[in-house]
N, C-alpha and C. Protein backbone atom coordinates (compact mmCIF):
# COMPACT_ATOMS: atom_id res chain seq x y z
N MET A 1 44.63 -48.95 -28.92
CA MET A 1 44.60 -48.72 -30.93
C MET A 1 43.47 -48.89 -30.85
N LEU A 2 43.41 -50.17 -30.18
CA LEU A 2 41.41 -50.95 -30.73
C LEU A 2 40.86 -49.94 -29.72
N VAL A 3 40.98 -49.78 -28.76
CA VAL A 3 39.61 -49.41 -28.26
C VAL A 3 39.66 -47.77 -28.78
N SER A 4 40.60 -46.95 -29.22
CA SER A 4 40.24 -46.01 -29.77
C SER A 4 39.61 -46.25 -31.27
N ALA A 5 40.06 -47.07 -32.09
CA ALA A 5 38.68 -47.13 -33.23
C ALA A 5 38.09 -47.55 -32.93
N GLY A 6 37.43 -48.41 -31.80
CA GLY A 6 36.33 -48.58 -31.82
C GLY A 6 35.00 -47.66 -31.54
N ALA A 7 35.77 -46.43 -30.52
CA ALA A 7 35.15 -45.59 -30.35
C ALA A 7 34.98 -44.39 -30.93
N VAL A 8 35.86 -44.38 -32.25
CA VAL A 8 35.49 -43.62 -32.94
C VAL A 8 34.21 -43.88 -34.37
N TYR A 9 34.63 -45.79 -34.43
CA TYR A 9 33.25 -45.96 -35.04
C TYR A 9 31.85 -46.09 -34.55
N GLY A 10 31.87 -45.63 -33.04
CA GLY A 10 31.11 -45.76 -32.35
C GLY A 10 30.19 -44.36 -32.28
N LEU A 11 31.19 -43.65 -32.69
CA LEU A 11 30.56 -42.10 -32.37
C LEU A 11 30.14 -41.81 -34.05
N ALA A 12 30.49 -41.91 -35.10
CA ALA A 12 30.45 -42.45 -36.36
C ALA A 12 29.03 -43.02 -36.58
N GLY A 13 29.14 -43.95 -35.87
CA GLY A 13 27.28 -44.74 -35.92
C GLY A 13 26.01 -44.15 -35.62
N THR A 14 26.60 -43.37 -34.40
CA THR A 14 25.18 -43.21 -33.35
C THR A 14 24.22 -42.00 -33.70
N PRO A 15 23.46 -42.34 -33.67
CA PRO A 15 22.41 -40.96 -34.18
C PRO A 15 22.39 -39.68 -32.75
N ALA A 16 23.14 -39.69 -31.74
CA ALA A 16 23.03 -38.93 -30.81
C ALA A 16 23.81 -37.65 -31.51
N PHE A 17 24.39 -37.56 -33.02
CA PHE A 17 25.44 -36.49 -33.50
C PHE A 17 24.94 -36.54 -34.56
N GLY A 18 23.34 -36.61 -34.91
CA GLY A 18 22.41 -36.13 -35.74
C GLY A 18 22.47 -35.00 -36.40
N PHE A 19 22.53 -34.21 -37.44
CA PHE A 19 22.19 -32.85 -37.86
C PHE A 19 20.81 -32.43 -37.44
N SER A 20 20.65 -31.40 -36.71
CA SER A 20 19.00 -31.13 -36.48
C SER A 20 18.93 -29.53 -36.87
N ARG A 21 20.03 -28.81 -36.94
CA ARG A 21 19.65 -27.45 -36.67
C ARG A 21 20.84 -26.53 -37.41
N LEU A 22 20.71 -25.94 -38.32
CA LEU A 22 21.44 -25.03 -39.25
C LEU A 22 21.57 -23.58 -39.14
N GLU A 23 22.91 -23.05 -38.14
CA GLU A 23 22.79 -21.33 -38.28
C GLU A 23 23.61 -20.74 -39.13
N ILE A 24 23.13 -19.85 -39.29
CA ILE A 24 23.78 -19.04 -40.56
C ILE A 24 23.73 -17.49 -40.05
N SER A 25 25.33 -17.27 -40.31
CA SER A 25 25.50 -15.99 -39.98
C SER A 25 25.78 -15.00 -40.92
N GLY A 26 26.08 -13.87 -41.06
CA GLY A 26 26.76 -13.02 -42.61
C GLY A 26 25.62 -12.17 -43.32
N ALA A 27 24.39 -13.02 -43.58
CA ALA A 27 23.83 -13.09 -44.76
C ALA A 27 22.61 -11.69 -44.54
N ALA A 28 23.22 -11.10 -45.46
CA ALA A 28 22.08 -9.90 -45.45
C ALA A 28 21.52 -9.73 -46.96
N LEU A 29 21.75 -9.72 -48.29
CA LEU A 29 21.33 -9.85 -49.40
C LEU A 29 20.98 -11.04 -49.87
N THR A 30 21.95 -12.25 -49.45
CA THR A 30 21.44 -13.43 -49.68
C THR A 30 20.38 -14.51 -48.92
N PRO A 31 19.43 -15.18 -49.95
CA PRO A 31 17.92 -15.34 -48.98
C PRO A 31 18.52 -16.68 -47.51
N GLU A 32 17.87 -16.57 -46.99
CA GLU A 32 18.55 -18.21 -46.17
C GLU A 32 18.05 -19.20 -46.63
N SER A 33 16.92 -19.21 -47.60
CA SER A 33 16.50 -20.27 -48.00
C SER A 33 17.33 -20.70 -49.29
N THR A 34 17.96 -20.22 -49.81
CA THR A 34 19.09 -20.14 -50.62
C THR A 34 20.43 -20.58 -50.04
N ILE A 35 20.90 -20.67 -49.04
CA ILE A 35 22.22 -21.30 -48.53
C ILE A 35 21.62 -22.45 -47.91
N ARG A 36 20.18 -22.68 -47.04
CA ARG A 36 19.80 -23.76 -46.55
C ARG A 36 19.81 -24.75 -47.92
N SER A 37 19.49 -24.22 -49.14
CA SER A 37 19.36 -25.15 -50.06
C SER A 37 20.84 -25.81 -50.91
N GLN A 38 21.31 -25.10 -50.58
CA GLN A 38 23.14 -25.18 -51.10
C GLN A 38 23.82 -26.32 -50.01
N VAL A 39 23.14 -25.80 -48.55
CA VAL A 39 24.24 -26.53 -47.44
C VAL A 39 24.05 -28.64 -48.05
N GLY A 40 22.42 -28.44 -48.09
CA GLY A 40 22.22 -29.90 -48.73
C GLY A 40 22.46 -31.08 -47.59
N VAL A 41 22.35 -30.81 -46.48
CA VAL A 41 22.48 -31.90 -45.51
C VAL A 41 21.41 -32.54 -45.31
N ALA A 42 20.82 -33.58 -45.19
CA ALA A 42 19.43 -33.77 -44.35
C ALA A 42 19.78 -34.35 -42.97
N PRO A 43 18.58 -34.02 -42.69
CA PRO A 43 18.00 -34.06 -41.18
C PRO A 43 18.69 -35.32 -41.04
N GLY A 44 19.50 -35.41 -39.86
CA GLY A 44 19.58 -36.72 -39.07
C GLY A 44 21.11 -37.29 -39.47
N THR A 45 21.68 -36.91 -40.41
CA THR A 45 23.20 -37.00 -40.80
C THR A 45 23.95 -36.62 -39.79
N ASN A 46 24.87 -37.74 -39.58
CA ASN A 46 25.84 -37.98 -38.49
C ASN A 46 27.19 -36.65 -38.68
N LEU A 47 27.23 -35.82 -37.98
CA LEU A 47 28.16 -35.22 -37.82
C LEU A 47 29.61 -35.00 -37.57
N VAL A 48 29.93 -36.16 -36.91
CA VAL A 48 31.10 -36.70 -36.57
C VAL A 48 32.32 -36.72 -37.91
N GLY A 49 31.88 -37.48 -38.88
CA GLY A 49 32.36 -37.69 -40.04
C GLY A 49 32.27 -36.92 -41.12
N LEU A 50 31.05 -35.67 -40.80
CA LEU A 50 30.84 -34.96 -42.02
C LEU A 50 31.99 -34.38 -42.74
N SER A 51 32.14 -34.00 -44.41
CA SER A 51 33.54 -33.31 -44.91
C SER A 51 32.79 -31.92 -44.99
N THR A 52 33.26 -30.95 -44.99
CA THR A 52 32.61 -29.78 -45.16
C THR A 52 32.90 -28.69 -46.68
N GLY A 53 34.34 -29.61 -47.21
CA GLY A 53 34.50 -29.38 -48.35
C GLY A 53 33.61 -28.98 -49.64
N PRO A 54 32.51 -30.13 -49.58
CA PRO A 54 31.64 -30.22 -50.77
C PRO A 54 30.54 -28.60 -50.38
N ILE A 55 30.25 -29.04 -49.05
CA ILE A 55 29.25 -27.75 -49.01
C ILE A 55 29.94 -26.25 -48.77
N LEU A 56 31.22 -26.00 -48.72
CA LEU A 56 31.71 -24.54 -48.78
C LEU A 56 31.52 -24.58 -50.54
N ALA A 57 32.09 -25.34 -51.32
CA ALA A 57 32.21 -25.37 -52.71
C ALA A 57 30.88 -24.91 -52.86
N ARG A 58 29.92 -25.96 -52.29
CA ARG A 58 28.21 -25.46 -53.15
C ARG A 58 27.87 -24.03 -52.85
N LEU A 59 28.49 -23.46 -51.46
CA LEU A 59 27.95 -22.08 -51.04
C LEU A 59 28.94 -20.92 -51.88
N ARG A 60 29.98 -21.09 -52.54
CA ARG A 60 30.47 -20.42 -53.35
C ARG A 60 30.38 -20.20 -54.64
N GLU A 61 28.92 -21.03 -54.81
CA GLU A 61 28.52 -21.07 -56.28
C GLU A 61 27.23 -19.77 -56.23
N ILE A 62 27.08 -19.28 -55.11
CA ILE A 62 25.99 -18.65 -55.02
C ILE A 62 26.52 -16.91 -55.36
N PRO A 63 26.05 -16.32 -56.12
CA PRO A 63 26.99 -14.91 -56.70
C PRO A 63 26.92 -14.40 -55.64
N SER A 64 26.44 -14.00 -54.41
CA SER A 64 26.24 -12.93 -53.89
C SER A 64 27.34 -13.16 -52.64
N VAL A 65 27.62 -14.83 -52.44
CA VAL A 65 28.66 -14.88 -51.65
C VAL A 65 30.11 -14.71 -51.92
N ASP A 66 31.03 -13.98 -51.08
CA ASP A 66 32.17 -13.91 -51.23
C ASP A 66 33.09 -14.89 -50.99
N THR A 67 32.95 -15.08 -49.70
CA THR A 67 33.90 -16.54 -48.81
C THR A 67 32.90 -16.75 -47.96
N ALA A 68 32.87 -18.06 -47.57
CA ALA A 68 32.10 -18.66 -46.64
C ALA A 68 32.86 -19.66 -45.12
N SER A 69 32.46 -19.77 -44.36
CA SER A 69 32.85 -21.26 -43.11
C SER A 69 31.87 -21.85 -42.74
N VAL A 70 32.22 -23.15 -43.16
CA VAL A 70 31.56 -24.13 -42.11
C VAL A 70 32.30 -24.65 -40.85
N ALA A 71 31.17 -24.90 -39.77
CA ALA A 71 31.69 -25.32 -38.65
C ALA A 71 30.49 -26.38 -37.89
N VAL A 72 31.24 -27.86 -37.42
CA VAL A 72 30.29 -28.78 -36.57
C VAL A 72 30.26 -28.14 -35.30
N GLN A 73 29.14 -27.85 -35.06
CA GLN A 73 29.53 -27.61 -33.79
C GLN A 73 28.52 -28.85 -32.68
N LEU A 74 29.33 -29.93 -32.33
CA LEU A 74 28.40 -31.34 -31.40
C LEU A 74 27.71 -31.12 -30.92
N PRO A 75 26.51 -31.57 -29.88
CA PRO A 75 26.11 -32.68 -30.32
C PRO A 75 25.46 -32.62 -32.34
N ASP A 76 24.34 -31.21 -32.80
CA ASP A 76 23.56 -31.62 -33.71
C ASP A 76 23.22 -30.00 -34.45
N VAL A 77 24.61 -29.18 -34.44
CA VAL A 77 24.56 -28.05 -34.86
C VAL A 77 25.66 -27.73 -36.39
N LEU A 78 25.33 -27.17 -37.50
CA LEU A 78 26.17 -27.22 -38.33
C LEU A 78 26.03 -25.70 -38.45
N HIS A 79 27.33 -24.72 -38.53
CA HIS A 79 27.37 -23.32 -38.79
C HIS A 79 27.33 -22.65 -39.89
N VAL A 80 26.80 -21.91 -40.70
CA VAL A 80 27.43 -21.54 -41.70
C VAL A 80 27.85 -20.03 -41.60
N SER A 81 28.72 -19.66 -42.01
CA SER A 81 28.81 -17.97 -41.76
C SER A 81 29.71 -17.55 -43.07
N VAL A 82 28.89 -16.76 -43.82
CA VAL A 82 28.89 -16.07 -44.92
C VAL A 82 29.45 -14.85 -45.41
N GLU A 83 30.77 -14.49 -45.92
CA GLU A 83 30.87 -12.97 -46.11
C GLU A 83 30.66 -12.96 -48.01
N GLU A 84 29.53 -11.81 -48.14
CA GLU A 84 28.80 -11.55 -48.74
C GLU A 84 29.78 -10.46 -49.56
N ARG A 85 29.55 -10.40 -50.98
CA ARG A 85 30.22 -9.47 -52.11
C ARG A 85 29.76 -7.62 -51.73
N ARG A 86 30.31 -7.23 -52.13
CA ARG A 86 29.86 -5.36 -51.54
C ARG A 86 28.98 -5.48 -53.10
N PRO A 87 27.93 -5.15 -52.65
CA PRO A 87 27.25 -4.50 -54.19
C PRO A 87 27.82 -2.75 -54.52
N VAL A 88 27.44 -3.02 -55.80
CA VAL A 88 28.16 -2.15 -56.41
C VAL A 88 27.09 -1.14 -57.41
N LEU A 89 26.06 -2.20 -57.50
CA LEU A 89 24.92 -1.26 -57.41
C LEU A 89 23.49 -2.33 -57.54
N LEU A 90 22.90 -1.61 -56.72
CA LEU A 90 21.52 -2.69 -56.69
C LEU A 90 20.42 -2.00 -57.12
N TRP A 91 19.54 -2.98 -58.53
CA TRP A 91 18.71 -3.07 -59.28
C TRP A 91 17.61 -3.09 -59.16
N GLY A 92 16.39 -2.69 -58.42
CA GLY A 92 14.93 -2.42 -58.10
C GLY A 92 14.31 -2.79 -59.02
N VAL A 93 13.45 -3.39 -59.37
CA VAL A 93 12.23 -3.45 -60.17
C VAL A 93 10.80 -3.30 -59.48
């Protein structure tokens, strides 16, 4: 158990699993910049112990997003998949 605890601690502290890429899928109406700003994970943040719950909560605050999912893909990728609401009316100015 002690070796396992040390391994987990080592994984959480190493820069090898630092966040460097954000992959977004499913966004047609929502600007990618809006999604990136709501994700709010700083580059280099260790992904081993990252809690995705707060990220999901922020993504659901975007009016055009119906549902979202966030997946950590080691070593350095955070994948965000959104399903947007179906527009009833689009208004162009």
